[in-house]
Amino acid sequence: GRGVAMLALSQAGLPVHEYTPMQVKQAVAGYGRADKVQVQEMVRLLLHLEAVPQPDDAADAVAVAYCHLQSARLGALLAATKDRP
């Protein structure tokens, strides 16, 4: 299923980004070996939520989205500094 989804995105000309679990944990919890509960609690805190998103897959998806946001911000900052004299 994953391969089919990636192929469909690629054929549609959409960018595909992949992150390892360690990268997601590092971006969200600040520690690449954080456990699932730590990551879920950080998602709750970062988004100022009253409760951890449910089901667990929803919290995981939000964590991956947050990781991508952080990665995109870092990429934009690096690109901006690259253009400076």
Protein backbone atom coordinates (compact mmCIF):
# COMPACT_ATOMS: atom_id res chain seq x y z
CA GLY A 1 0.00 0.00 0.00
CA ARG A 2 2.78 2.44 0.86
CA GLY A 3 4.49 1.93 -2.49
CA VAL A 4 1.26 2.51 -4.40
CA ALA A 5 0.62 5.73 -2.48
CA MET A 6 4.15 6.98 -3.14
CA LEU A 7 3.88 6.12 -6.83
CA ALA A 8 0.56 7.95 -7.11
CA LEU A 9 1.99 11.04 -5.43
CA SER A 10 5.05 10.98 -7.66
CA GLN A 11 2.98 10.56 -10.83
CA ALA A 12 0.82 13.49 -9.75
CA GLY A 13 3.94 15.62 -9.46
CA LEU A 14 3.59 16.03 -5.70
CA PRO A 15 6.65 16.06 -3.48
CA VAL A 16 7.21 13.08 -1.23
CA HIS A 17 9.01 13.44 2.10
CA GLU A 18 9.98 10.60 4.39
CA TYR A 19 11.16 10.71 7.99
CA THR A 20 12.48 7.95 10.20
CA PRO A 21 10.82 7.37 13.57
CA MET A 22 13.97 8.74 15.20
CA GLN A 23 13.74 11.97 13.17
CA VAL A 24 10.10 12.43 14.16
CA LYS A 25 10.86 11.81 17.82
CA GLN A 26 13.80 14.22 17.71
CA ALA A 27 11.71 16.97 16.12
CA VAL A 28 8.77 16.57 18.50
CA ALA A 29 10.29 15.49 21.81
CA GLY A 30 13.87 16.67 21.37
CA TYR A 31 15.13 13.12 21.91
CA GLY A 32 15.34 10.56 19.12
CA ARG A 33 14.71 7.64 21.46
CA ALA A 34 11.64 9.10 23.16
CA ASP A 35 8.86 6.60 23.80
CA LYS A 36 5.38 6.81 22.32
CA VAL A 37 3.86 8.36 25.45
CA GLN A 38 6.50 11.11 25.51
CA VAL A 39 5.88 11.96 21.85
CA GLN A 40 2.11 12.00 22.36
CA GLU A 41 2.42 14.29 25.37
CA MET A 42 4.69 16.65 23.46
CA VAL A 43 2.17 16.77 20.60
CA ARG A 44 -0.46 17.74 23.16
CA LEU A 45 1.77 20.42 24.69
CA LEU A 46 3.03 21.86 21.39
CA LEU A 47 -0.49 22.26 20.05
CA HIS A 48 -1.99 23.42 23.36
CA LEU A 49 -4.52 20.57 23.36
CA GLU A 50 -6.51 19.44 26.37
CA ALA A 51 -5.90 15.77 25.52
CA VAL A 52 -3.62 13.67 23.34
CA PRO A 53 -5.18 13.15 19.88
CA GLN A 54 -6.96 9.81 19.61
CA PRO A 55 -6.57 7.20 18.26
CA ASP A 56 -2.81 6.78 18.62
CA ASP A 57 -2.43 6.88 14.83
CA ALA A 58 -3.82 10.43 14.85
CA ALA A 59 -1.15 11.55 17.34
CA ASP A 60 1.49 9.83 15.19
CA ALA A 61 0.25 11.63 12.08
CA VAL A 62 0.36 14.99 13.86
CA ALA A 63 3.89 14.23 15.04
CA VAL A 64 5.01 13.48 11.48
CA ALA A 65 3.35 16.68 10.23
CA TYR A 66 5.12 18.66 12.96
CA CYS A 67 8.43 17.04 11.98
CA HIS A 68 7.85 18.05 8.37
CA LEU A 69 7.04 21.62 9.39
CA GLN A 70 10.27 21.83 11.37
CA SER A 71 12.22 20.34 8.48
CA ALA A 72 10.70 22.79 6.00
CA ARG A 73 11.47 25.74 8.28
CA LEU A 74 15.07 24.62 8.65
CA GLY A 75 15.36 24.15 4.89
CA ALA A 76 14.04 27.66 4.28
CA LEU A 77 16.46 29.16 6.80
CA LEU A 78 19.40 27.32 5.27
CA ALA A 79 18.38 28.40 1.77
CA ALA A 80 18.12 32.03 2.92
CA THR A 81 21.57 31.99 4.50
CA LYS A 82 23.07 30.31 1.44
CA ASP A 83 22.09 33.30 -0.70
CA ARG A 84 23.78 35.79 1.64
CA PRO A 85 27.22 37.10 0.74
